[in-house]
C-alpha atoms as a PDB file:
ATOM      1  CA  UNK A   1       0.024   0.277   0.211  1.00  0.00           C
ATOM      2  CA  UNK A   2       1.409   3.372  -1.078  1.00  0.00           C
ATOM      3  CA  UNK A   3       2.166   5.788   2.072  1.00  0.00           C
ATOM      4  CA  UNK A   4       1.264   9.088   1.847  1.00  0.00           C
ATOM      5  CA  UNK A   5       3.667  12.012   2.740  1.00  0.00           C
ATOM      6  CA  UNK A   6       3.003  13.446   6.538  1.00  0.00           C
ATOM      7  CA  UNK A   7       1.048  16.504   6.336  1.00  0.00           C
ATOM      8  CA  UNK A   8       2.429  20.122   6.787  1.00  0.00           C
ATOM      9  CA  UNK A   9       1.293  20.214  10.608  1.00  0.00           C
ATOM     10  CA  UNK A  10       3.211  17.032  11.220  1.00  0.00           C
ATOM     11  CA  UNK A  11       6.360  18.688   9.507  1.00  0.00           C
ATOM     12  CA  UNK A  12       6.214  21.702  11.686  1.00  0.00           C
ATOM     13  CA  UNK A  13       5.691  19.636  14.620  1.00  0.00           C
ATOM     14  CA  UNK A  14       8.963  17.767  14.036  1.00  0.00           C
ATOM     15  CA  UNK A  15      10.601  21.237  13.301  1.00  0.00           C
ATOM     16  CA  UNK A  16       8.913  22.435  16.676  1.00  0.00           C
ATOM     17  CA  UNK A  17      10.698  19.305  18.320  1.00  0.00           C
ATOM     18  CA  UNK A  18      13.910  20.244  17.245  1.00  0.00           C
ATOM     19  CA  UNK A  19      13.294  23.864  17.950  1.00  0.00           C
ATOM     20  CA  UNK A  20      12.557  22.747  21.605  1.00  0.00           C
ATOM     21  CA  UNK A  21      15.708  20.789  21.858  1.00  0.00           C
ATOM     22  CA  UNK A  22      17.792  23.692  20.590  1.00  0.00           C
ATOM     23  CA  UNK A  23      16.025  25.884  22.754  1.00  0.00           C
ATOM     24  CA  UNK A  24      16.990  23.866  25.912  1.00  0.00           C
ATOM     25  CA  UNK A  25      20.189  24.575  25.245  1.00  0.00           C
ATOM     26  CA  UNK A  26      19.759  28.030  24.253  1.00  0.00           C
ATOM     27  CA  UNK A  27      18.039  28.847  27.474  1.00  0.00           C
ATOM     28  CA  UNK A  28      20.744  27.289  29.769  1.00  0.00           C
ATOM     29  CA  UNK A  29      23.112  29.744  27.708  1.00  0.00           C
ATOM     30  CA  UNK A  30      21.254  32.610  28.995  1.00  0.00           C
ATOM     31  CA  UNK A  31      20.402  32.051  32.253  1.00  0.00           C
ATOM     32  CA  UNK A  32      23.166  33.908  34.134  1.00  0.00           C
ATOM     33  CA  UNK A  33      22.652  37.025  31.743  1.00  0.00           C
ATOM     34  CA  UNK A  34      22.065  39.780  33.672  1.00  0.00           C
ATOM     35  CA  UNK A  35      19.906  43.032  32.360  1.00  0.00           C
ATOM     36  CA  UNK A  36      21.970  45.841  31.073  1.00  0.00           C
ATOM     37  CA  UNK A  37      22.108  49.619  32.148  1.00  0.00           C
ATOM     38  CA  UNK A  38      19.795  51.772  30.525  1.00  0.00           C
ATOM     39  CA  UNK A  39      21.949  53.606  27.545  1.00  0.00           C
ATOM     40  CA  UNK A  40      22.699  56.948  27.644  1.00  0.00           C
ATOM     41  CA  UNK A  41      21.320  59.262  24.583  1.00  0.00           C
ATOM     42  CA  UNK A  42      25.151  59.216  23.264  1.00  0.00           C
ATOM     43  CA  UNK A  43      25.500  55.399  23.828  1.00  0.00           C
ATOM     44  CA  UNK A  44      22.368  54.708  22.039  1.00  0.00           C
ATOM     45  CA  UNK A  45      23.338  56.255  18.555  1.00  0.00           C
ATOM     46  CA  UNK A  46      26.698  54.215  18.956  1.00  0.00           C
ATOM     47  CA  UNK A  47      24.484  51.112  19.538  1.00  0.00           C
ATOM     48  CA  UNK A  48      22.280  51.448  16.718  1.00  0.00           C
ATOM     49  CA  UNK A  49      25.283  52.373  14.316  1.00  0.00           C
ATOM     50  CA  UNK A  50      27.015  48.573  16.034  1.00  0.00           C
ATOM     51  CA  UNK A  51      23.553  46.835  15.331  1.00  0.00           C
ATOM     52  CA  UNK A  52      23.389  47.699  11.927  1.00  0.00           C
ATOM     53  CA  UNK A  53      26.944  46.434  11.694  1.00  0.00           C
ATOM     54  CA  UNK A  54      26.288  43.403  13.190  1.00  0.00           C
ATOM     55  CA  UNK A  55      23.526  42.781  11.141  1.00  0.00           C
ATOM     56  CA  UNK A  56      25.410  43.173   8.083  1.00  0.00           C
ATOM     57  CA  UNK A  57      27.880  40.937   9.529  1.00  0.00           C
ATOM     58  CA  UNK A  58      25.749  38.111  10.319  1.00  0.00           C
ATOM     59  CA  UNK A  59      23.421  38.326   6.668  1.00  0.00           C
ATOM     60  CA  UNK A  60      25.002  37.681   3.613  1.00  0.00           C
ATOM     61  CA  UNK A  61      23.545  40.288   0.984  1.00  0.00           C
ATOM     62  CA  UNK A  62      21.240  41.222   3.881  1.00  0.00           C
ATOM     63  CA  UNK A  63      19.128  38.007   3.546  1.00  0.00           C
ATOM     64  CA  UNK A  64      21.024  35.093   3.968  1.00  0.00           C
ATOM     65  CA  UNK A  65      21.668  34.080   7.779  1.00  0.00           C
ATOM     66  CA  UNK A  66      25.485  33.924   8.361  1.00  0.00           C
ATOM     67  CA  UNK A  67      25.977  33.337  12.040  1.00  0.00           C
ATOM     68  CA  UNK A  68      28.684  30.727  11.520  1.00  0.00           C
ATOM     69  CA  UNK A  69      31.453  32.971  10.041  1.00  0.00           C
ATOM     70  CA  UNK A  70      34.292  33.886  12.251  1.00  0.00           C
ATOM     71  CA  UNK A  71      36.247  36.757  10.678  1.00  0.00           C
ATOM     72  CA  UNK A  72      38.566  37.520  13.455  1.00  0.00           C
ATOM     73  CA  UNK A  73      42.171  36.802  13.211  1.00  0.00           C
ATOM     74  CA  UNK A  74      42.601  36.321  16.997  1.00  0.00           C
ATOM     75  CA  UNK A  75      43.862  33.376  18.560  1.00  0.00           C
ATOM     76  CA  UNK A  76      41.246  30.227  18.106  1.00  0.00           C
ATOM     77  CA  UNK A  77      38.885  29.661  20.979  1.00  0.00           C
ATOM     78  CA  UNK A  78      36.661  26.515  20.796  1.00  0.00           C
ATOM     79  CA  UNK A  79      33.171  26.667  20.963  1.00  0.00           C
ATOM     80  CA  UNK A  80      31.307  25.055  24.086  1.00  0.00           C
ATOM     81  CA  UNK A  81      28.228  22.837  23.217  1.00  0.00           C
ATOM     82  CA  UNK A  82      25.808  25.741  24.409  1.00  0.00           C
ATOM     83  CA  UNK A  83      27.469  27.997  21.534  1.00  0.00           C
ATOM     84  CA  UNK A  84      27.320  25.285  18.882  1.00  0.00           C
ATOM     85  CA  UNK A  85      23.593  24.750  19.660  1.00  0.00           C
ATOM     86  CA  UNK A  86      23.045  28.655  19.641  1.00  0.00           C
ATOM     87  CA  UNK A  87      24.535  28.961  15.887  1.00  0.00           C
ATOM     88  CA  UNK A  88      22.269  26.288  15.025  1.00  0.00           C
ATOM     89  CA  UNK A  89      19.057  28.133  16.459  1.00  0.00           C
ATOM     90  CA  UNK A  90      20.615  31.634  14.973  1.00  0.00           C
ATOM     91  CA  UNK A  91      20.799  30.312  11.638  1.00  0.00           C
ATOM     92  CA  UNK A  92      17.436  27.984  11.502  1.00  0.00           C
ATOM     93  CA  UNK A  93      15.531  30.803  13.444  1.00  0.00           C
ATOM     94  CA  UNK A  94      16.258  34.125  12.598  1.00  0.00           C
ATOM     95  CA  UNK A  95      13.575  36.233  10.508  1.00  0.00           C
ATOM     96  CA  UNK A  96      15.638  36.253   7.505  1.00  0.00           C
ATOM     97  CA  UNK A  97      15.614  32.033   7.558  1.00  0.00           C
ATOM     98  CA  UNK A  98      11.859  32.324   6.739  1.00  0.00           C
ATOM     99  CA  UNK A  99      12.205  34.040   3.727  1.00  0.00           C
ATOM    100  CA  UNK A 100      15.012  31.862   2.490  1.00  0.00           C
ATOM    101  CA  UNK A 101      12.612  29.091   3.035  1.00  0.00           C
ATOM    102  CA  UNK A 102      10.047  30.759   0.799  1.00  0.00           C
ATOM    103  CA  UNK A 103      12.666  31.266  -1.849  1.00  0.00           C
ATOM    104  CA  UNK A 104      13.720  27.660  -1.904  1.00  0.00           C
ATOM    105  CA  UNK A 105      10.059  26.206  -1.634  1.00  0.00           C
ATOM    106  CA  UNK A 106       8.748  28.764  -4.513  1.00  0.00           C
ATOM    107  CA  UNK A 107      11.896  27.285  -6.682  1.00  0.00           C
ATOM    108  CA  UNK A 108      10.533  23.582  -6.108  1.00  0.00           C
ATOM    109  CA  UNK A 109       7.162  24.222  -6.816  1.00  0.00           C
ATOM    110  CA  UNK A 110       7.963  26.074  -9.933  1.00  0.00           C
ATOM    111  CA  UNK A 111       9.835  22.784 -11.017  1.00  0.00           C
ATOM    112  CA  UNK A 112       6.734  20.744  -9.898  1.00  0.00           C
ATOM    113  CA  UNK A 113       9.321  18.941  -7.605  1.00  0.00           C
ATOM    114  CA  UNK A 114       6.787  17.035  -5.667  1.00  0.00           C
ATOM    115  CA  UNK A 115       3.862  16.570  -7.933  1.00  0.00           C
ATOM    116  CA  UNK A 116       1.606  15.016  -5.146  1.00  0.00           C
ATOM    117  CA  UNK A 117       1.898  18.483  -3.318  1.00  0.00           C
ATOM    118  CA  UNK A 118      -0.079  20.059  -5.932  1.00  0.00           C
ATOM    119  CA  UNK A 119      -0.155  23.691  -6.572  1.00  0.00           C
ATOM    120  CA  UNK A 120      -1.744  26.861  -5.236  1.00  0.00           C
ATOM    121  CA  UNK A 121      -1.509  28.090  -1.650  1.00  0.00           C
ATOM    122  CA  UNK A 122      -2.076  24.371  -0.368  1.00  0.00           C
ATOM    123  CA  UNK A 123       0.656  22.989  -2.608  1.00  0.00           C
ATOM    124  CA  UNK A 124       3.052  26.089  -1.406  1.00  0.00           C
ATOM    125  CA  UNK A 125       2.354  25.247   2.217  1.00  0.00           C
ATOM    126  CA  UNK A 126       3.690  21.838   1.531  1.00  0.00           C
ATOM    127  CA  UNK A 127       6.544  22.849  -0.152  1.00  0.00           C
ATOM    128  CA  UNK A 128       7.562  25.483   2.170  1.00  0.00           C
ATOM    129  CA  UNK A 129       7.035  23.334   5.151  1.00  0.00           C
ATOM    130  CA  UNK A 130       9.764  20.584   3.763  1.00  0.00           C
ATOM    131  CA  UNK A 131      11.546  23.635   2.956  1.00  0.00           C
ATOM    132  CA  UNK A 132      11.943  24.952   6.494  1.00  0.00           C
ATOM    133  CA  UNK A 133      12.335  21.490   7.757  1.00  0.00           C
ATOM    134  CA  UNK A 134      15.232  20.834   5.577  1.00  0.00           C
ATOM    135  CA  UNK A 135      17.068  24.262   7.070  1.00  0.00           C
ATOM    136  CA  UNK A 136      16.096  23.599  10.411  1.00  0.00           C
ATOM    137  CA  UNK A 137      17.131  20.116  10.825  1.00  0.00           C
ATOM    138  CA  UNK A 138      20.238  20.189   8.580  1.00  0.00           C
ATOM    139  CA  UNK A 139      21.365  23.119  11.025  1.00  0.00           C
ATOM    140  CA  UNK A 140      21.126  21.053  14.185  1.00  0.00           C
ATOM    141  CA  UNK A 141      22.586  18.528  12.536  1.00  0.00           C
ATOM    142  CA  UNK A 142      26.005  20.123  11.185  1.00  0.00           C
ATOM    143  CA  UNK A 143      26.091  22.940  13.711  1.00  0.00           C
ATOM    144  CA  UNK A 144      24.714  21.476  16.973  1.00  0.00           C
ATOM    145  CA  UNK A 145      24.806  17.508  17.481  1.00  0.00           C
ATOM    146  CA  UNK A 146      27.300  16.205  15.400  1.00  0.00           C
ATOM    147  CA  UNK A 147      29.706  19.114  16.419  1.00  0.00           C
ATOM    148  CA  UNK A 148      29.265  18.377  19.816  1.00  0.00           C
ATOM    149  CA  UNK A 149      29.436  14.830  19.619  1.00  0.00           C
ATOM    150  CA  UNK A 150      32.689  14.827  17.548  1.00  0.00           C
ATOM    151  CA  UNK A 151      34.227  17.714  19.272  1.00  0.00           C
ATOM    152  CA  UNK A 152      34.399  19.619  15.837  1.00  0.00           C
ATOM    153  CA  UNK A 153      33.940  23.352  15.133  1.00  0.00           C
ATOM    154  CA  UNK A 154      31.232  24.391  13.024  1.00  0.00           C
ATOM    155  CA  UNK A 155      32.318  27.753  12.048  1.00  0.00           C
ATOM    156  CA  UNK A 156      33.561  28.822   8.690  1.00  0.00           C
ATOM    157  CA  UNK A 157      36.925  30.940   9.484  1.00  0.00           C
ATOM    158  CA  UNK A 158      37.605  33.188   6.587  1.00  0.00           C
ATOM    159  CA  UNK A 159      40.745  33.468   5.119  1.00  0.00           C
ATOM    160  CA  UNK A 160      40.879  37.114   4.172  1.00  0.00           C
ATOM    161  CA  UNK A 161      43.995  37.494   2.037  1.00  0.00           C
ATOM    162  CA  UNK A 162      45.255  35.953  -0.993  1.00  0.00           C
ATOM    163  CA  UNK A 163      44.248  36.090  -4.555  1.00  0.00           C
ATOM    164  CA  UNK A 164      40.653  35.162  -5.845  1.00  0.00           C
ATOM    165  CA  UNK A 165      41.395  31.554  -6.695  1.00  0.00           C
ATOM    166  CA  UNK A 166      43.554  31.070  -3.519  1.00  0.00           C
ATOM    167  CA  UNK A 167      40.469  31.989  -1.390  1.00  0.00           C
ATOM    168  CA  UNK A 168      38.129  30.276  -3.372  1.00  0.00           C
ATOM    169  CA  UNK A 169      39.827  26.986  -3.461  1.00  0.00           C
ATOM    170  CA  UNK A 170      40.200  27.855   0.407  1.00  0.00           C
ATOM    171  CA  UNK A 171      36.239  28.110   0.719  1.00  0.00           C
ATOM    172  CA  UNK A 172      35.361  25.250  -1.232  1.00  0.00           C
ATOM    173  CA  UNK A 173      37.654  22.819   1.040  1.00  0.00           C
ATOM    174  CA  UNK A 174      36.145  23.760   4.233  1.00  0.00           C
ATOM    175  CA  UNK A 175      33.478  22.026   2.952  1.00  0.00           C
ATOM    176  CA  UNK A 176      35.585  18.815   3.422  1.00  0.00           C
ATOM    177  CA  UNK A 177      37.997  20.251   6.234  1.00  0.00           C
ATOM    178  CA  UNK A 178      37.132  21.630   9.539  1.00  0.00           C
ATOM    179  CA  UNK A 179      38.861  22.204  12.995  1.00  0.00           C
ATOM    180  CA  UNK A 180      38.438  20.352  15.695  1.00  0.00           C
ATOM    181  CA  UNK A 181      38.062  21.901  19.161  1.00  0.00           C
ATOM    182  CA  UNK A 182      41.812  21.841  19.802  1.00  0.00           C
ATOM    183  CA  UNK A 183      42.361  23.889  16.393  1.00  0.00           C
ATOM    184  CA  UNK A 184      43.983  21.166  14.638  1.00  0.00           C
ATOM    185  CA  UNK A 185      42.362  20.068  10.980  1.00  0.00           C
ATOM    186  CA  UNK A 186      40.241  17.412  10.886  1.00  0.00           C
ATOM    187  CA  UNK A 187      37.718  15.466   8.113  1.00  0.00           C
ATOM    188  CA  UNK A 188      34.683  17.832   8.408  1.00  0.00           C
ATOM    189  CA  UNK A 189      32.905  14.711   9.269  1.00  0.00           C
ATOM    190  CA  UNK A 190      29.767  16.784  11.054  1.00  0.00           C
ATOM    191  CA  UNK A 191      29.309  18.783   7.697  1.00  0.00           C
ATOM    192  CA  UNK A 192      28.981  15.543   5.656  1.00  0.00           C
ATOM    193  CA  UNK A 193      28.014  13.048   8.015  1.00  0.00           C
ATOM    194  CA  UNK A 194      25.336  15.579   9.440  1.00  0.00           C
ATOM    195  CA  UNK A 195      23.818  16.214   6.060  1.00  0.00           C
ATOM    196  CA  UNK A 196      23.605  12.926   5.108  1.00  0.00           C
ATOM    197  CA  UNK A 197      21.310  11.978   8.431  1.00  0.00           C
ATOM    198  CA  UNK A 198      19.302  15.223   7.626  1.00  0.00           C
ATOM    199  CA  UNK A 199      18.996  14.210   4.245  1.00  0.00           C
ATOM    200  CA  UNK A 200      17.438  10.680   5.576  1.00  0.00           C
ATOM    201  CA  UNK A 201      15.247  12.271   8.213  1.00  0.00           C
ATOM    202  CA  UNK A 202      13.823  14.378   5.318  1.00  0.00           C
ATOM    203  CA  UNK A 203      12.246  10.886   3.857  1.00  0.00           C
ATOM    204  CA  UNK A 204       9.346  11.159   6.729  1.00  0.00           C
ATOM    205  CA  UNK A 205       8.113  14.098   5.303  1.00  0.00           C
ATOM    206  CA  UNK A 206       8.377  13.893   1.353  1.00  0.00           C
ATOM    207  CA  UNK A 207       6.293  11.883  -0.950  1.00  0.00           C
ATOM    208  CA  UNK A 208       6.916   8.175  -0.911  1.00  0.00           C
ATOM    209  CA  UNK A 209       7.756   7.951  -4.352  1.00  0.00           C
ATOM    210  CA  UNK A 210      10.769  10.242  -3.880  1.00  0.00           C
ATOM    211  CA  UNK A 211      11.917   7.929  -0.834  1.00  0.00           C
ATOM    212  CA  UNK A 212      14.537   5.843  -2.476  1.00  0.00           C
ATOM    213  CA  UNK A 213      18.397   5.741  -1.576  1.00  0.00           C
ATOM    214  CA  UNK A 214      19.298   7.513  -4.902  1.00  0.00           C
ATOM    215  CA  UNK A 215      17.092  10.588  -4.789  1.00  0.00           C
ATOM    216  CA  UNK A 216      18.097  10.752  -1.088  1.00  0.00           C
ATOM    217  CA  UNK A 217      21.763  10.510  -1.898  1.00  0.00           C
ATOM    218  CA  UNK A 218      20.601  13.114  -4.449  1.00  0.00           C
ATOM    219  CA  UNK A 219      19.483  15.283  -1.944  1.00  0.00           C
ATOM    220  CA  UNK A 220      22.856  15.081  -0.009  1.00  0.00           C
ATOM    221  CA  UNK A 221      24.828  15.993  -2.668  1.00  0.00           C
ATOM    222  CA  UNK A 222      22.636  19.325  -3.756  1.00  0.00           C
ATOM    223  CA  UNK A 223      22.907  19.954  -0.386  1.00  0.00           C
ATOM    224  CA  UNK A 224      26.863  19.835  -0.339  1.00  0.00           C
ATOM    225  CA  UNK A 225      27.184  21.798  -2.988  1.00  0.00           C
ATOM    226  CA  UNK A 226      24.691  24.531  -1.851  1.00  0.00           C
ATOM    227  CA  UNK A 227      26.854  24.737   1.546  1.00  0.00           C
ATOM    228  CA  UNK A 228      29.874  24.955  -0.751  1.00  0.00           C
ATOM    229  CA  UNK A 229      28.718  27.837  -2.549  1.00  0.00           C
ATOM    230  CA  UNK A 230      27.870  29.423   0.922  1.00  0.00           C
ATOM    231  CA  UNK A 231      31.259  28.889   2.076  1.00  0.00           C
ATOM    232  CA  UNK A 232      32.495  30.997  -1.272  1.00  0.00           C
ATOM    233  CA  UNK A 233      29.817  33.865  -0.215  1.00  0.00           C
ATOM    234  CA  UNK A 234      31.089  33.720   3.326  1.00  0.00           C
ATOM    235  CA  UNK A 235      34.578  34.107   2.429  1.00  0.00           C
ATOM    236  CA  UNK A 236      33.971  37.255   0.329  1.00  0.00           C
ATOM    237  CA  UNK A 237      30.961  38.878   1.997  1.00  0.00           C
ATOM    238  CA  UNK A 238      33.493  40.991   4.016  1.00  0.00           C
ATOM    239  CA  UNK A 239      35.271  42.143   1.215  1.00  0.00           C
ATOM    240  CA  UNK A 240      31.978  43.283  -0.297  1.00  0.00           C
ATOM    241  CA  UNK A 241      30.467  44.672   2.813  1.00  0.00           C
ATOM    242  CA  UNK A 242      33.668  47.005   3.547  1.00  0.00           C
ATOM    243  CA  UNK A 243      33.531  48.381   0.121  1.00  0.00           C
ATOM    244  CA  UNK A 244      29.898  49.336   0.625  1.00  0.00           C
ATOM    245  CA  UNK A 245      30.246  50.297   4.323  1.00  0.00           C
ATOM    246  CA  UNK A 246      33.695  50.956   5.153  1.00  0.00           C
ATOM    247  CA  UNK A 247      33.492  47.979   7.752  1.00  0.00           C
END
């Protein structure tokens, strides 16, 4: 008997479960923070400027969440498990992440990628639920769970110097090589295996006809290619930002 894809509400419940899992760690990370003093007028303008600068740093082209990039040239400091899960939370639930999911959903719908989803508002809601779940689960796997278990660093450390091809080659290599928590380079198992697990989990909410090994492997390959392209954008976004805003 042919199985039907899980409804969108079930899909979003899966995402909510991951959100609660990440939120628990985030809350523990924040529980000891104290409230800041009320800023003075002179401080307020500086804080607004700093906030805009921070927004541009954490959003490539002002839209794509970019919390994994580390542009600093200071001594390497490993992340705690709480910090790794916070990265996953920020990349998954930043307001612009909802817009990015809509772009991917619209692209898949235009290609009629899952015919059983249909078209129109109802069809788009199914595509959107799948796209958002793909993002959230992928981020939790590659930035939170696997880096914590394997003691790897999920951040992208920009090279910041060298020619275009040298920096592009470096960006591509970071999809397959990352730093361990001790600062040494190692195979990026968190990214490769994490995306493979996320692709497997997606079979829970995509149509049964698309649950073959070949299609799951193809989805994994597409995600690796997409993440590689994002690495290149992360490498050169600081240059673009400095050209436009001076910082």
